[in-house]
Amino acid sequence: MLPTMTLPNAQEMDQMRYAICAAIVAGAFAMGSPVDAGAQESGLLAVGEMAPDFALPGATRFGVLDEPVTLSDYSGETVVLAFFFRVRTRG
């Protein structure tokens, strides 16, 4: 005989949401304070510093691009990198 599974009620859902939010806030605090001028020694970029050039495979909604996209392609423009967790995967 298979065990039956019950769905959580509204109070249990609220408790789970609270626990998840608390974990996210705690994780944000655990990550530390913003990067300061001492970032130079750690290899991180300081705020306002120019990013080094790099290349990544580009993609659109139609598929992967033939040529990689480099940061220098957008010199002088504002660039926003967006990383999507598990996009186009079976996960």
C-alpha atoms as a PDB file:
ATOM      1  CA  MET A   1       0.000   0.000   0.000  1.00  0.00           C
ATOM      2  CA  LEU A   2       1.392   3.401  -0.964  1.00  0.00           C
ATOM      3  CA  PRO A   3       1.559   6.114   1.697  1.00  0.00           C
ATOM      4  CA  THR A   4      -0.742   9.059   1.147  1.00  0.00           C
ATOM      5  CA  MET A   5       0.670  12.551   0.883  1.00  0.00           C
ATOM      6  CA  THR A   6      -1.146  15.491   2.416  1.00  0.00           C
ATOM      7  CA  LEU A   7      -0.722  19.034   1.184  1.00  0.00           C
ATOM      8  CA  PRO A   8       0.349  21.689   3.694  1.00  0.00           C
ATOM      9  CA  ASN A   9      -2.367  23.983   4.988  1.00  0.00           C
ATOM     10  CA  ALA A  10      -2.239  27.800   4.776  1.00  0.00           C
ATOM     11  CA  GLN A  11      -0.541  28.195   8.172  1.00  0.00           C
ATOM     12  CA  GLU A  12       2.176  25.678   7.262  1.00  0.00           C
ATOM     13  CA  MET A  13       2.709  27.443   3.908  1.00  0.00           C
ATOM     14  CA  ASP A  14       3.135  30.779   5.714  1.00  0.00           C
ATOM     15  CA  GLN A  15       5.665  29.192   8.067  1.00  0.00           C
ATOM     16  CA  MET A  16       7.611  27.756   5.123  1.00  0.00           C
ATOM     17  CA  ARG A  17       7.611  31.146   3.356  1.00  0.00           C
ATOM     18  CA  TYR A  18       8.841  32.823   6.544  1.00  0.00           C
ATOM     19  CA  ALA A  19      11.608  30.247   6.954  1.00  0.00           C
ATOM     20  CA  ILE A  20      12.723  30.667   3.325  1.00  0.00           C
ATOM     21  CA  CYS A  21      12.775  34.472   3.618  1.00  0.00           C
ATOM     22  CA  ALA A  22      14.713  34.255   6.887  1.00  0.00           C
ATOM     23  CA  ALA A  23      17.243  31.928   5.253  1.00  0.00           C
ATOM     24  CA  ILE A  24      17.700  34.308   2.306  1.00  0.00           C
ATOM     25  CA  VAL A  25      18.213  37.305   4.598  1.00  0.00           C
ATOM     26  CA  ALA A  26      20.635  35.343   6.787  1.00  0.00           C
ATOM     27  CA  GLY A  27      22.567  34.276   3.685  1.00  0.00           C
ATOM     28  CA  ALA A  28      22.782  37.871   2.488  1.00  0.00           C
ATOM     29  CA  PHE A  29      24.243  38.942   5.836  1.00  0.00           C
ATOM     30  CA  ALA A  30      26.622  35.992   5.846  1.00  0.00           C
ATOM     31  CA  MET A  31      28.016  37.067   2.477  1.00  0.00           C
ATOM     32  CA  GLY A  32      29.461  40.178   4.101  1.00  0.00           C
ATOM     33  CA  SER A  33      29.564  43.866   3.444  1.00  0.00           C
ATOM     34  CA  PRO A  34      29.988  45.544   0.053  1.00  0.00           C
ATOM     35  CA  VAL A  35      33.388  45.429  -1.612  1.00  0.00           C
ATOM     36  CA  ASP A  36      35.631  48.334  -0.618  1.00  0.00           C
ATOM     37  CA  ALA A  37      38.969  49.714  -1.791  1.00  0.00           C
ATOM     38  CA  GLY A  38      40.705  46.625  -0.362  1.00  0.00           C
ATOM     39  CA  ALA A  39      39.186  44.635  -3.216  1.00  0.00           C
ATOM     40  CA  GLN A  40      42.267  45.367  -5.317  1.00  0.00           C
ATOM     41  CA  GLU A  41      44.370  42.985  -3.214  1.00  0.00           C
ATOM     42  CA  SER A  42      41.813  40.179  -3.469  1.00  0.00           C
ATOM     43  CA  GLY A  43      41.595  40.286  -7.270  1.00  0.00           C
ATOM     44  CA  LEU A  44      38.048  41.690  -7.292  1.00  0.00           C
ATOM     45  CA  LEU A  45      37.116  44.845  -9.173  1.00  0.00           C
ATOM     46  CA  ALA A  46      36.334  47.998  -7.221  1.00  0.00           C
ATOM     47  CA  VAL A  47      33.087  49.825  -7.879  1.00  0.00           C
ATOM     48  CA  GLY A  48      33.445  51.988 -10.984  1.00  0.00           C
ATOM     49  CA  GLU A  49      36.562  50.173 -12.240  1.00  0.00           C
ATOM     50  CA  MET A  50      36.685  49.076 -15.889  1.00  0.00           C
ATOM     51  CA  ALA A  51      35.927  45.370 -16.368  1.00  0.00           C
ATOM     52  CA  PRO A  52      38.420  43.245 -18.308  1.00  0.00           C
ATOM     53  CA  ASP A  53      37.441  42.050 -21.764  1.00  0.00           C
ATOM     54  CA  PHE A  54      35.971  38.553 -21.988  1.00  0.00           C
ATOM     55  CA  ALA A  55      34.055  36.435 -24.489  1.00  0.00           C
ATOM     56  CA  LEU A  56      31.030  34.205 -23.947  1.00  0.00           C
ATOM     57  CA  PRO A  57      28.865  32.146 -26.272  1.00  0.00           C
ATOM     58  CA  GLY A  58      25.908  34.317 -27.195  1.00  0.00           C
ATOM     59  CA  ALA A  59      22.342  33.086 -27.416  1.00  0.00           C
ATOM     60  CA  THR A  60      18.973  34.384 -28.473  1.00  0.00           C
ATOM     61  CA  ARG A  61      15.549  32.860 -28.209  1.00  0.00           C
ATOM     62  CA  PHE A  62      16.315  31.175 -31.541  1.00  0.00           C
ATOM     63  CA  GLY A  63      19.488  29.422 -30.359  1.00  0.00           C
ATOM     64  CA  VAL A  64      23.212  29.850 -29.842  1.00  0.00           C
ATOM     65  CA  LEU A  65      25.054  32.431 -31.967  1.00  0.00           C
ATOM     66  CA  ASP A  66      27.839  31.332 -34.341  1.00  0.00           C
ATOM     67  CA  GLU A  67      30.362  33.884 -33.005  1.00  0.00           C
ATOM     68  CA  PRO A  68      31.079  34.502 -29.310  1.00  0.00           C
ATOM     69  CA  VAL A  69      30.027  37.842 -27.836  1.00  0.00           C
ATOM     70  CA  THR A  70      32.839  39.905 -26.306  1.00  0.00           C
ATOM     71  CA  LEU A  71      32.542  42.727 -23.817  1.00  0.00           C
ATOM     72  CA  SER A  72      34.604  44.965 -26.121  1.00  0.00           C
ATOM     73  CA  ASP A  73      31.788  44.673 -28.710  1.00  0.00           C
ATOM     74  CA  TYR A  74      29.794  46.982 -26.435  1.00  0.00           C
ATOM     75  CA  SER A  75      32.527  49.488 -25.551  1.00  0.00           C
ATOM     76  CA  GLY A  76      31.010  52.788 -24.397  1.00  0.00           C
ATOM     77  CA  GLU A  77      27.577  51.252 -23.802  1.00  0.00           C
ATOM     78  CA  THR A  78      25.872  50.092 -20.628  1.00  0.00           C
ATOM     79  CA  VAL A  79      26.033  46.297 -20.345  1.00  0.00           C
ATOM     80  CA  VAL A  80      23.848  44.195 -18.052  1.00  0.00           C
ATOM     81  CA  LEU A  81      24.689  40.512 -17.628  1.00  0.00           C
ATOM     82  CA  ALA A  82      21.706  38.340 -16.741  1.00  0.00           C
ATOM     83  CA  PHE A  83      22.240  34.776 -15.577  1.00  0.00           C
ATOM     84  CA  PHE A  84      19.185  32.538 -15.539  1.00  0.00           C
ATOM     85  CA  PHE A  85      19.242  29.492 -13.313  1.00  0.00           C
ATOM     86  CA  ARG A  86      18.394  26.297 -15.205  1.00  0.00           C
ATOM     87  CA  VAL A  87      17.191  28.004 -18.360  1.00  0.00           C
ATOM     88  CA  ARG A  88      16.957  25.602 -21.292  1.00  0.00           C
ATOM     89  CA  THR A  89      17.901  22.610 -19.164  1.00  0.00           C
ATOM     90  CA  ARG A  90      15.951  19.597 -18.038  1.00  0.00           C
ATOM     91  CA  GLY A  91      16.500  20.634 -14.385  1.00  0.00           C
END
